[in-house]
Amino acid sequence: MSYRATNGEPGAGGKSAGQLMKEITEGISVLVHKEIELAKQELGESVTVKAKGAAIIAIAGVFGFFALIFVLLALRDGLDTFLWQWIADIVTALILALVGAGAALFARKKLASPISADLTKKTIKDDVEMARSLGKSTGSSTRTTSEVTRTGV
């Protein structure tokens, strides 16, 4: 990739190849750092969603534990006395079990989606495509400084 000034003399009125390479390198470095920051942000948001799902699973476990206690109390009362009190214990246990199952299903839905950095993937893909198109457009021809300024590439 070589550039010539409009008057035909190398370096007249334009940047040297070393300066251009330095600017390109700095630009790529900034781009890579921005992509890394974006990936960190996206993964952080995904981890937060997963943590909330895990908390809901913990709550479901607590409700399940209480349901087990009430089922055992109901069984004990039912076997011990054969009175109507054990029906109340079973109803209470079933309510707790339904709450626990609902929380577990909700948490399962939250945790079903994989952690992904879709935006980062898309921007990296766009950056690669842009770099390839720049390489194709500048790789085979010698252009003057006025052409570079006019096209912006």
Protein backbone atom coordinates (compact mmCIF):
# COMPACT_ATOMS: atom_id res chain seq x y z
CA MET A 1 0.00 0.00 0.00
CA SER A 2 1.78 3.16 -1.15
CA TYR A 3 0.61 6.74 -1.44
CA ARG A 4 1.98 9.57 -3.50
CA ALA A 5 1.50 13.27 -3.02
CA THR A 6 -0.32 15.21 -5.72
CA ASN A 7 2.89 16.79 -6.98
CA GLY A 8 4.51 13.37 -7.38
CA GLU A 9 7.09 13.72 -4.59
CA PRO A 10 6.88 11.24 -1.72
CA GLY A 11 5.92 12.78 1.61
CA ALA A 12 5.13 16.25 0.32
CA GLY A 13 2.04 17.55 2.11
CA GLY A 14 1.09 14.14 3.60
CA LYS A 15 1.93 11.82 6.42
CA SER A 16 4.80 9.39 6.18
CA ALA A 17 4.17 5.67 5.99
CA GLY A 18 5.52 5.32 9.52
CA GLN A 19 3.05 7.88 10.85
CA LEU A 20 0.19 6.20 9.00
CA MET A 21 1.16 2.78 10.38
CA LYS A 22 1.39 4.25 13.89
CA GLU A 23 -2.12 5.75 13.57
CA ILE A 24 -3.50 2.47 12.22
CA THR A 25 -1.88 0.51 15.06
CA GLU A 26 -3.23 2.93 17.65
CA GLY A 27 -6.69 2.74 16.07
CA ILE A 28 -6.67 -1.04 16.13
CA SER A 29 -5.50 -1.01 19.75
CA VAL A 30 -8.34 1.31 20.77
CA LEU A 31 -10.82 -0.84 18.84
CA VAL A 32 -9.65 -4.03 20.55
CA HIS A 33 -9.88 -2.39 23.99
CA LYS A 34 -13.42 -1.17 23.25
CA GLU A 35 -14.44 -4.66 22.11
CA ILE A 36 -13.07 -6.15 25.33
CA GLU A 37 -14.97 -3.57 27.40
CA LEU A 38 -18.18 -4.38 25.51
CA ALA A 39 -17.70 -8.11 26.06
CA LYS A 40 -17.13 -7.56 29.79
CA GLN A 41 -20.27 -5.46 30.06
CA GLU A 42 -22.42 -7.98 28.20
CA LEU A 43 -21.12 -10.92 30.21
CA GLY A 44 -21.65 -8.98 33.44
CA GLU A 45 -25.28 -8.37 32.54
CA SER A 46 -25.76 -12.05 31.66
CA VAL A 47 -24.18 -13.17 34.92
CA THR A 48 -26.52 -10.84 36.83
CA VAL A 49 -29.55 -12.47 35.19
CA LYS A 50 -28.18 -15.93 36.00
CA ALA A 51 -27.54 -14.93 39.63
CA LYS A 52 -31.15 -13.79 39.98
CA GLY A 53 -32.29 -17.14 38.57
CA ALA A 54 -30.07 -18.96 41.08
CA ALA A 55 -31.58 -16.93 43.92
CA ILE A 56 -35.07 -17.91 42.78
CA ILE A 57 -33.99 -21.56 42.72
CA ALA A 58 -32.77 -21.18 46.30
CA ILE A 59 -36.15 -19.76 47.28
CA ALA A 60 -37.84 -22.68 45.53
CA GLY A 61 -35.65 -25.04 47.54
CA VAL A 62 -36.71 -23.38 50.79
CA PHE A 63 -40.40 -23.68 49.86
CA GLY A 64 -39.83 -27.30 48.87
CA PHE A 65 -38.23 -27.97 52.24
CA PHE A 66 -41.20 -26.43 54.07
CA ALA A 67 -43.57 -28.45 51.88
CA LEU A 68 -41.77 -31.60 52.90
CA ILE A 69 -42.09 -30.67 56.57
CA PHE A 70 -45.84 -30.10 56.21
CA VAL A 71 -46.34 -33.32 54.27
CA LEU A 72 -44.58 -35.20 57.04
CA LEU A 73 -46.65 -33.40 59.69
CA ALA A 74 -49.83 -34.20 57.77
CA LEU A 75 -48.89 -37.83 57.44
CA ARG A 76 -48.11 -37.97 61.15
CA ASP A 77 -51.38 -36.30 62.10
CA GLY A 78 -53.36 -38.44 59.67
CA LEU A 79 -51.94 -41.68 60.89
CA ASP A 80 -52.03 -40.66 64.52
CA THR A 81 -55.59 -39.50 64.92
CA PHE A 82 -57.53 -39.97 61.64
CA LEU A 83 -59.16 -36.62 62.27
CA TRP A 84 -59.80 -33.67 59.95
CA GLN A 85 -56.78 -31.71 61.16
CA TRP A 86 -54.44 -33.61 58.85
CA ILE A 87 -56.38 -32.42 55.79
CA ALA A 88 -55.48 -28.84 56.70
CA ASP A 89 -51.84 -29.87 56.98
CA ILE A 90 -51.92 -31.48 53.53
CA VAL A 91 -53.58 -28.42 51.97
CA THR A 92 -50.91 -26.19 53.52
CA ALA A 93 -48.17 -28.45 52.26
CA LEU A 94 -49.66 -28.55 48.77
CA ILE A 95 -49.84 -24.76 48.67
CA LEU A 96 -46.17 -24.51 49.65
CA ALA A 97 -45.27 -27.17 47.08
CA LEU A 98 -47.10 -25.27 44.34
CA VAL A 99 -45.30 -22.05 45.26
CA GLY A 100 -41.96 -23.86 45.23
CA ALA A 101 -42.70 -25.51 41.89
CA GLY A 102 -43.76 -22.19 40.38
CA ALA A 103 -40.57 -20.51 41.56
CA ALA A 104 -38.48 -23.40 40.24
CA LEU A 105 -40.14 -23.22 36.80
CA PHE A 106 -39.64 -19.46 36.69
CA ALA A 107 -35.96 -19.84 37.61
CA ARG A 108 -35.49 -22.62 35.07
CA LYS A 109 -36.84 -20.33 32.37
CA LYS A 110 -34.40 -17.58 33.43
CA LEU A 111 -31.44 -19.97 33.40
CA ALA A 112 -32.36 -21.68 30.11
CA SER A 113 -30.79 -19.02 27.90
CA PRO A 114 -27.02 -19.35 27.53
CA ILE A 115 -24.65 -16.54 28.48
CA SER A 116 -23.79 -14.82 25.23
CA ALA A 117 -22.10 -11.68 24.04
CA ASP A 118 -24.15 -11.22 20.87
CA LEU A 119 -23.46 -7.51 20.47
CA THR A 120 -19.73 -8.05 20.85
CA LYS A 121 -19.79 -10.86 18.27
CA LYS A 122 -21.68 -8.63 15.82
CA THR A 123 -19.37 -5.64 16.23
CA ILE A 124 -16.25 -7.80 15.86
CA LYS A 125 -17.72 -9.33 12.71
CA ASP A 126 -18.49 -5.84 11.37
CA ASP A 127 -14.95 -4.69 12.22
CA VAL A 128 -13.42 -7.65 10.38
CA GLU A 129 -15.60 -7.02 7.33
CA MET A 130 -14.66 -3.33 7.33
CA ALA A 131 -10.95 -4.18 7.60
CA ARG A 132 -11.25 -6.66 4.73
CA SER A 133 -13.03 -4.12 2.54
CA LEU A 134 -10.35 -1.53 3.33
CA GLY A 135 -7.66 -4.04 2.47
CA LYS A 136 -9.30 -4.83 -0.86
CA SER A 137 -9.84 -1.18 -1.76
CA THR A 138 -6.29 -0.06 -0.97
CA GLY A 139 -4.23 -3.15 -1.63
CA SER A 140 -3.82 -3.13 -5.42
CA SER A 141 -3.52 0.51 -6.46
CA THR A 142 -1.29 3.49 -5.85
CA ARG A 143 -3.39 6.54 -5.01
CA THR A 144 -2.56 10.19 -4.66
CA THR A 145 -3.05 12.21 -1.49
CA SER A 146 -5.95 14.08 -3.09
CA GLU A 147 -7.69 10.76 -3.87
CA VAL A 148 -7.25 9.59 -0.30
CA THR A 149 -8.58 12.89 1.06
CA ARG A 150 -11.51 12.91 -1.37
CA THR A 151 -12.66 9.34 -0.60
CA GLY A 152 -11.86 9.45 3.10
CA VAL A 153 -10.26 5.99 2.97
